[in-house]
Amino acid sequence: MADRPQLSKNLDPNTFRNFYYLKEELVAFCKKQGLPAGGGKLELTERIACYLSTGEAPPAPAPA
């Protein structure tokens, strides 16, 4: 099995989705990049994948 790449802003979004990261790692990455760090693991994963694809923070969700 391939070694898991370190989570960084230069990581390809498809590569990111192919590996398992702990929620704590996802939260830490979001905080480091200035992204919202709240929400569940799925939300964090989608937010980071969007960031890795576009280089920008995804739009904030509308208030419920």
PDB file of N, CA and C in Angstrom:
ATOM      1  N   MET A   1       0.848  -1.187   0.000  1.00  0.00           N
ATOM      2  CA  MET A   1       0.000   0.000   0.000  1.00  0.00           C
ATOM      3  C   MET A   1       0.885   1.239   0.000  1.00  0.00           C
ATOM      4  N   ALA A   2       0.505   2.220  -0.776  1.00  0.00           N
ATOM      5  CA  ALA A   2       1.291   3.441  -0.898  1.00  0.00           C
ATOM      6  C   ALA A   2       1.224   4.252   0.392  1.00  0.00           C
ATOM      7  N   ASP A   3       2.324   4.945   0.676  1.00  0.00           N
ATOM      8  CA  ASP A   3       2.328   5.833   1.830  1.00  0.00           C
ATOM      9  C   ASP A   3       1.355   6.969   1.577  1.00  0.00           C
ATOM     10  N   ARG A   4       0.669   7.350   2.624  1.00  0.00           N
ATOM     11  CA  ARG A   4      -0.293   8.435   2.525  1.00  0.00           C
ATOM     12  C   ARG A   4       0.449   9.762   2.402  1.00  0.00           C
ATOM     13  N   PRO A   5       0.087  10.595   1.419  1.00  0.00           N
ATOM     14  CA  PRO A   5       0.757  11.883   1.280  1.00  0.00           C
ATOM     15  C   PRO A   5       0.353  12.832   2.407  1.00  0.00           C
ATOM     16  N   GLN A   6       1.264  13.718   2.742  1.00  0.00           N
ATOM     17  CA  GLN A   6       0.975  14.712   3.774  1.00  0.00           C
ATOM     18  C   GLN A   6      -0.053  15.694   3.228  1.00  0.00           C
ATOM     19  N   LEU A   7      -0.979  16.071   4.071  1.00  0.00           N
ATOM     20  CA  LEU A   7      -2.024  17.015   3.688  1.00  0.00           C
ATOM     21  C   LEU A   7      -1.407  18.404   3.583  1.00  0.00           C
ATOM     22  N   SER A   8      -1.363  18.940   2.354  1.00  0.00           N
ATOM     23  CA  SER A   8      -0.806  20.271   2.127  1.00  0.00           C
ATOM     24  C   SER A   8      -1.609  20.962   1.044  1.00  0.00           C
ATOM     25  N   LYS A   9      -1.434  22.276   0.918  1.00  0.00           N
ATOM     26  CA  LYS A   9      -2.192  23.033  -0.075  1.00  0.00           C
ATOM     27  C   LYS A   9      -1.786  22.696  -1.502  1.00  0.00           C
ATOM     28  N   ASN A  10      -0.679  21.984  -1.674  1.00  0.00           N
ATOM     29  CA  ASN A  10      -0.215  21.593  -3.004  1.00  0.00           C
ATOM     30  C   ASN A  10      -0.670  20.195  -3.412  1.00  0.00           C
ATOM     31  N   LEU A  11      -1.426  19.540  -2.555  1.00  0.00           N
ATOM     32  CA  LEU A  11      -1.888  18.182  -2.822  1.00  0.00           C
ATOM     33  C   LEU A  11      -2.992  18.207  -3.883  1.00  0.00           C
ATOM     34  N   ASP A  12      -2.916  17.280  -4.818  1.00  0.00           N
ATOM     35  CA  ASP A  12      -3.948  17.149  -5.849  1.00  0.00           C
ATOM     36  C   ASP A  12      -5.259  16.713  -5.180  1.00  0.00           C
ATOM     37  N   PRO A  13      -6.395  17.350  -5.531  1.00  0.00           N
ATOM     38  CA  PRO A  13      -7.661  16.997  -4.878  1.00  0.00           C
ATOM     39  C   PRO A  13      -8.061  15.538  -5.062  1.00  0.00           C
ATOM     40  N   ASN A  14      -7.740  14.946  -6.218  1.00  0.00           N
ATOM     41  CA  ASN A  14      -8.078  13.533  -6.434  1.00  0.00           C
ATOM     42  C   ASN A  14      -7.232  12.630  -5.541  1.00  0.00           C
ATOM     43  N   THR A  15      -5.979  12.966  -5.385  1.00  0.00           N
ATOM     44  CA  THR A  15      -5.113  12.210  -4.485  1.00  0.00           C
ATOM     45  C   THR A  15      -5.628  12.337  -3.055  1.00  0.00           C
ATOM     46  N   PHE A  16      -6.016  13.543  -2.669  1.00  0.00           N
ATOM     47  CA  PHE A  16      -6.571  13.781  -1.327  1.00  0.00           C
ATOM     48  C   PHE A  16      -7.763  12.857  -1.060  1.00  0.00           C
ATOM     49  N   ARG A  17      -8.642  12.738  -2.016  1.00  0.00           N
ATOM     50  CA  ARG A  17      -9.851  11.917  -1.829  1.00  0.00           C
ATOM     51  C   ARG A  17      -9.542  10.417  -1.783  1.00  0.00           C
ATOM     52  N   ASN A  18      -8.393  10.011  -2.273  1.00  0.00           N
ATOM     53  CA  ASN A  18      -8.039   8.592  -2.294  1.00  0.00           C
ATOM     54  C   ASN A  18      -7.423   8.090  -0.991  1.00  0.00           C
ATOM     55  N   PHE A  19      -7.212   8.984  -0.028  1.00  0.00           N
ATOM     56  CA  PHE A  19      -6.595   8.585   1.231  1.00  0.00           C
ATOM     57  C   PHE A  19      -7.473   8.982   2.401  1.00  0.00           C
ATOM     58  N   TYR A  20      -7.256   8.292   3.507  1.00  0.00           N
ATOM     59  CA  TYR A  20      -8.020   8.515   4.728  1.00  0.00           C
ATOM     60  C   TYR A  20      -7.253   9.465   5.633  1.00  0.00           C
ATOM     61  N   TYR A  21      -7.913  10.537   6.059  1.00  0.00           N
ATOM     62  CA  TYR A  21      -7.334  11.485   7.012  1.00  0.00           C
ATOM     63  C   TYR A  21      -8.247  11.565   8.225  1.00  0.00           C
ATOM     64  N   LEU A  22      -7.662  11.679   9.393  1.00  0.00           N
ATOM     65  CA  LEU A  22      -8.435  11.832  10.616  1.00  0.00           C
ATOM     66  C   LEU A  22      -9.104  13.197  10.642  1.00  0.00           C
ATOM     67  N   LYS A  23     -10.235  13.279  11.319  1.00  0.00           N
ATOM     68  CA  LYS A  23     -10.938  14.555  11.415  1.00  0.00           C
ATOM     69  C   LYS A  23     -10.034  15.617  12.029  1.00  0.00           C
ATOM     70  N   GLU A  24      -9.235  15.242  13.011  1.00  0.00           N
ATOM     71  CA  GLU A  24      -8.333  16.195  13.657  1.00  0.00           C
ATOM     72  C   GLU A  24      -7.339  16.785  12.649  1.00  0.00           C
ATOM     73  N   GLU A  25      -6.896  15.953  11.715  1.00  0.00           N
ATOM     74  CA  GLU A  25      -5.976  16.434  10.672  1.00  0.00           C
ATOM     75  C   GLU A  25      -6.682  17.418   9.736  1.00  0.00           C
ATOM     76  N   LEU A  26      -7.922  17.113   9.408  1.00  0.00           N
ATOM     77  CA  LEU A  26      -8.694  17.980   8.523  1.00  0.00           C
ATOM     78  C   LEU A  26      -8.961  19.332   9.183  1.00  0.00           C
ATOM     79  N   VAL A  27      -9.322  19.313  10.453  1.00  0.00           N
ATOM     80  CA  VAL A  27      -9.569  20.551  11.203  1.00  0.00           C
ATOM     81  C   VAL A  27      -8.298  21.385  11.267  1.00  0.00           C
ATOM     82  N   ALA A  28      -7.176  20.747  11.584  1.00  0.00           N
ATOM     83  CA  ALA A  28      -5.896  21.464  11.679  1.00  0.00           C
ATOM     84  C   ALA A  28      -5.536  22.100  10.336  1.00  0.00           C
ATOM     85  N   PHE A  29      -5.753  21.375   9.241  1.00  0.00           N
ATOM     86  CA  PHE A  29      -5.460  21.915   7.913  1.00  0.00           C
ATOM     87  C   PHE A  29      -6.341  23.123   7.628  1.00  0.00           C
ATOM     88  N   CYS A  30      -7.622  23.018   7.926  1.00  0.00           N
ATOM     89  CA  CYS A  30      -8.543  24.137   7.691  1.00  0.00           C
ATOM     90  C   CYS A  30      -8.101  25.372   8.468  1.00  0.00           C
ATOM     91  N   LYS A  31      -7.757  25.195   9.718  1.00  0.00           N
ATOM     92  CA  LYS A  31      -7.324  26.326  10.542  1.00  0.00           C
ATOM     93  C   LYS A  31      -6.056  26.948   9.966  1.00  0.00           C
ATOM     94  N   LYS A  32      -5.129  26.121   9.551  1.00  0.00           N
ATOM     95  CA  LYS A  32      -3.860  26.609   9.004  1.00  0.00           C
ATOM     96  C   LYS A  32      -4.075  27.401   7.716  1.00  0.00           C
ATOM     97  N   GLN A  33      -5.048  26.993   6.916  1.00  0.00           N
ATOM     98  CA  GLN A  33      -5.306  27.642   5.630  1.00  0.00           C
ATOM     99  C   GLN A  33      -6.344  28.764   5.737  1.00  0.00           C
ATOM    100  N   GLY A  34      -6.881  28.986   6.934  1.00  0.00           N
ATOM    101  CA  GLY A  34      -7.877  30.043   7.118  1.00  0.00           C
ATOM    102  C   GLY A  34      -9.262  29.675   6.626  1.00  0.00           C
ATOM    103  N   LEU A  35      -9.529  28.383   6.572  1.00  0.00           N
ATOM    104  CA  LEU A  35     -10.846  27.895   6.156  1.00  0.00           C
ATOM    105  C   LEU A  35     -11.698  27.644   7.386  1.00  0.00           C
ATOM    106  N   PRO A  36     -13.026  27.691   7.254  1.00  0.00           N
ATOM    107  CA  PRO A  36     -13.870  27.319   8.391  1.00  0.00           C
ATOM    108  C   PRO A  36     -13.557  25.884   8.825  1.00  0.00           C
ATOM    109  N   ALA A  37     -13.399  25.678  10.118  1.00  0.00           N
ATOM    110  CA  ALA A  37     -12.996  24.372  10.627  1.00  0.00           C
ATOM    111  C   ALA A  37     -14.137  23.621  11.309  1.00  0.00           C
ATOM    112  N   GLY A  38     -15.339  24.132  11.225  1.00  0.00           N
ATOM    113  CA  GLY A  38     -16.481  23.479  11.862  1.00  0.00           C
ATOM    114  C   GLY A  38     -17.152  22.504  10.919  1.00  0.00           C
ATOM    115  N   GLY A  39     -17.969  21.646  11.501  1.00  0.00           N
ATOM    116  CA  GLY A  39     -18.734  20.696  10.708  1.00  0.00           C
ATOM    117  C   GLY A  39     -18.214  19.287  10.860  1.00  0.00           C
ATOM    118  N   GLY A  40     -18.892  18.392  10.202  1.00  0.00           N
ATOM    119  CA  GLY A  40     -18.519  16.984  10.247  1.00  0.00           C
ATOM    120  C   GLY A  40     -17.393  16.664   9.288  1.00  0.00           C
ATOM    121  N   LYS A  41     -16.955  15.440   9.358  1.00  0.00           N
ATOM    122  CA  LYS A  41     -15.823  15.015   8.531  1.00  0.00           C
ATOM    123  C   LYS A  41     -16.144  15.130   7.042  1.00  0.00           C
ATOM    124  N   LEU A  42     -17.331  14.794   6.642  1.00  0.00           N
ATOM    125  CA  LEU A  42     -17.718  14.900   5.230  1.00  0.00           C
ATOM    126  C   LEU A  42     -17.668  16.354   4.761  1.00  0.00           C
ATOM    127  N   GLU A  43     -18.194  17.264   5.578  1.00  0.00           N
ATOM    128  CA  GLU A  43     -18.155  18.689   5.231  1.00  0.00           C
ATOM    129  C   GLU A  43     -16.715  19.188   5.108  1.00  0.00           C
ATOM    130  N   LEU A  44     -15.886  18.794   6.046  1.00  0.00           N
ATOM    131  CA  LEU A  44     -14.481  19.200   6.017  1.00  0.00           C
ATOM    132  C   LEU A  44     -13.793  18.666   4.770  1.00  0.00           C
ATOM    133  N   THR A  45     -14.055  17.415   4.441  1.00  0.00           N
ATOM    134  CA  THR A  45     -13.459  16.800   3.262  1.00  0.00           C
ATOM    135  C   THR A  45     -13.864  17.556   1.999  1.00  0.00           C
ATOM    136  N   GLU A  46     -15.139  17.861   1.868  1.00  0.00           N
ATOM    137  CA  GLU A  46     -15.623  18.592   0.691  1.00  0.00           C
ATOM    138  C   GLU A  46     -15.018  19.991   0.628  1.00  0.00           C
ATOM    139  N   ARG A  47     -14.931  20.652   1.773  1.00  0.00           N
ATOM    140  CA  ARG A  47     -14.366  22.002   1.837  1.00  0.00           C
ATOM    141  C   ARG A  47     -12.906  21.992   1.400  1.00  0.00           C
ATOM    142  N   ILE A  48     -12.155  21.022   1.891  1.00  0.00           N
ATOM    143  CA  ILE A  48     -10.733  20.938   1.552  1.00  0.00           C
ATOM    144  C   ILE A  48     -10.561  20.569   0.085  1.00  0.00           C
ATOM    145  N   ALA A  49     -11.347  19.640  -0.427  1.00  0.00           N
ATOM    146  CA  ALA A  49     -11.256  19.257  -1.837  1.00  0.00           C
ATOM    147  C   ALA A  49     -11.543  20.458  -2.730  1.00  0.00           C
ATOM    148  N   CYS A  50     -12.529  21.263  -2.374  1.00  0.00           N
ATOM    149  CA  CYS A  50     -12.841  22.473  -3.136  1.00  0.00           C
ATOM    150  C   CYS A  50     -11.661  23.435  -3.079  1.00  0.00           C
ATOM    151  N   TYR A  51     -11.091  23.609  -1.908  1.00  0.00           N
ATOM    152  CA  TYR A  51      -9.944  24.495  -1.738  1.00  0.00           C
ATOM    153  C   TYR A  51      -8.751  24.015  -2.563  1.00  0.00           C
ATOM    154  N   LEU A  52      -8.500  22.722  -2.551  1.00  0.00           N
ATOM    155  CA  LEU A  52      -7.384  22.176  -3.318  1.00  0.00           C
ATOM    156  C   LEU A  52      -7.603  22.323  -4.821  1.00  0.00           C
ATOM    157  N   SER A  53      -8.856  22.288  -5.257  1.00  0.00           N
ATOM    158  CA  SER A  53      -9.179  22.421  -6.677  1.00  0.00           C
ATOM    159  C   SER A  53      -9.081  23.860  -7.168  1.00  0.00           C
ATOM    160  N   THR A  54      -9.547  24.790  -6.340  1.00  0.00           N
ATOM    161  CA  THR A  54      -9.673  26.180  -6.792  1.00  0.00           C
ATOM    162  C   THR A  54      -8.645  27.121  -6.185  1.00  0.00           C
ATOM    163  N   GLY A  55      -8.065  26.732  -5.046  1.00  0.00           N
ATOM    164  CA  GLY A  55      -7.143  27.617  -4.344  1.00  0.00           C
ATOM    165  C   GLY A  55      -7.858  28.667  -3.519  1.00  0.00           C
ATOM    166  N   GLU A  56      -9.167  28.569  -3.465  1.00  0.00           N
ATOM    167  CA  GLU A  56      -9.962  29.536  -2.710  1.00  0.00           C
ATOM    168  C   GLU A  56     -10.902  28.801  -1.762  1.00  0.00           C
ATOM    169  N   ALA A  57     -11.269  29.505  -0.712  1.00  0.00           N
ATOM    170  CA  ALA A  57     -12.237  28.947   0.232  1.00  0.00           C
ATOM    171  C   ALA A  57     -13.589  28.827  -0.458  1.00  0.00           C
ATOM    172  N   PRO A  58     -14.303  27.736  -0.247  1.00  0.00           N
ATOM    173  CA  PRO A  58     -15.635  27.613  -0.841  1.00  0.00           C
ATOM    174  C   PRO A  58     -16.587  28.622  -0.207  1.00  0.00           C
ATOM    175  N   PRO A  59     -17.657  28.972  -0.898  1.00  0.00           N
ATOM    176  CA  PRO A  59     -18.616  29.909  -0.319  1.00  0.00           C
ATOM    177  C   PRO A  59     -19.216  29.358   0.964  1.00  0.00           C
ATOM    178  N   ALA A  60     -19.481  30.253   1.895  1.00  0.00           N
ATOM    179  CA  ALA A  60     -20.087  29.843   3.168  1.00  0.00           C
ATOM    180  C   ALA A  60     -21.504  29.346   2.921  1.00  0.00           C
ATOM    181  N   PRO A  61     -21.907  28.298   3.644  1.00  0.00           N
ATOM    182  CA  PRO A  61     -23.278  27.799   3.479  1.00  0.00           C
ATOM    183  C   PRO A  61     -24.286  28.820   4.013  1.00  0.00           C
ATOM    184  N   ALA A  62     -25.465  28.825   3.423  1.00  0.00           N
ATOM    185  CA  ALA A  62     -26.516  29.729   3.873  1.00  0.00           C
ATOM    186  C   ALA A  62     -26.973  29.321   5.271  1.00  0.00           C
ATOM    187  N   PRO A  63     -27.284  30.292   6.121  1.00  0.00           N
ATOM    188  CA  PRO A  63     -27.750  29.945   7.476  1.00  0.00           C
ATOM    189  C   PRO A  63     -29.045  29.157   7.412  1.00  0.00           C
ATOM    190  N   ALA A  64     -29.189  28.227   8.319  1.00  0.00           N
ATOM    191  CA  ALA A  64     -30.365  27.345   8.330  1.00  0.00           C
ATOM    192  C   ALA A  64     -31.572  28.041   8.907  1.00  0.00           C
TER     193      ALA A  64
END
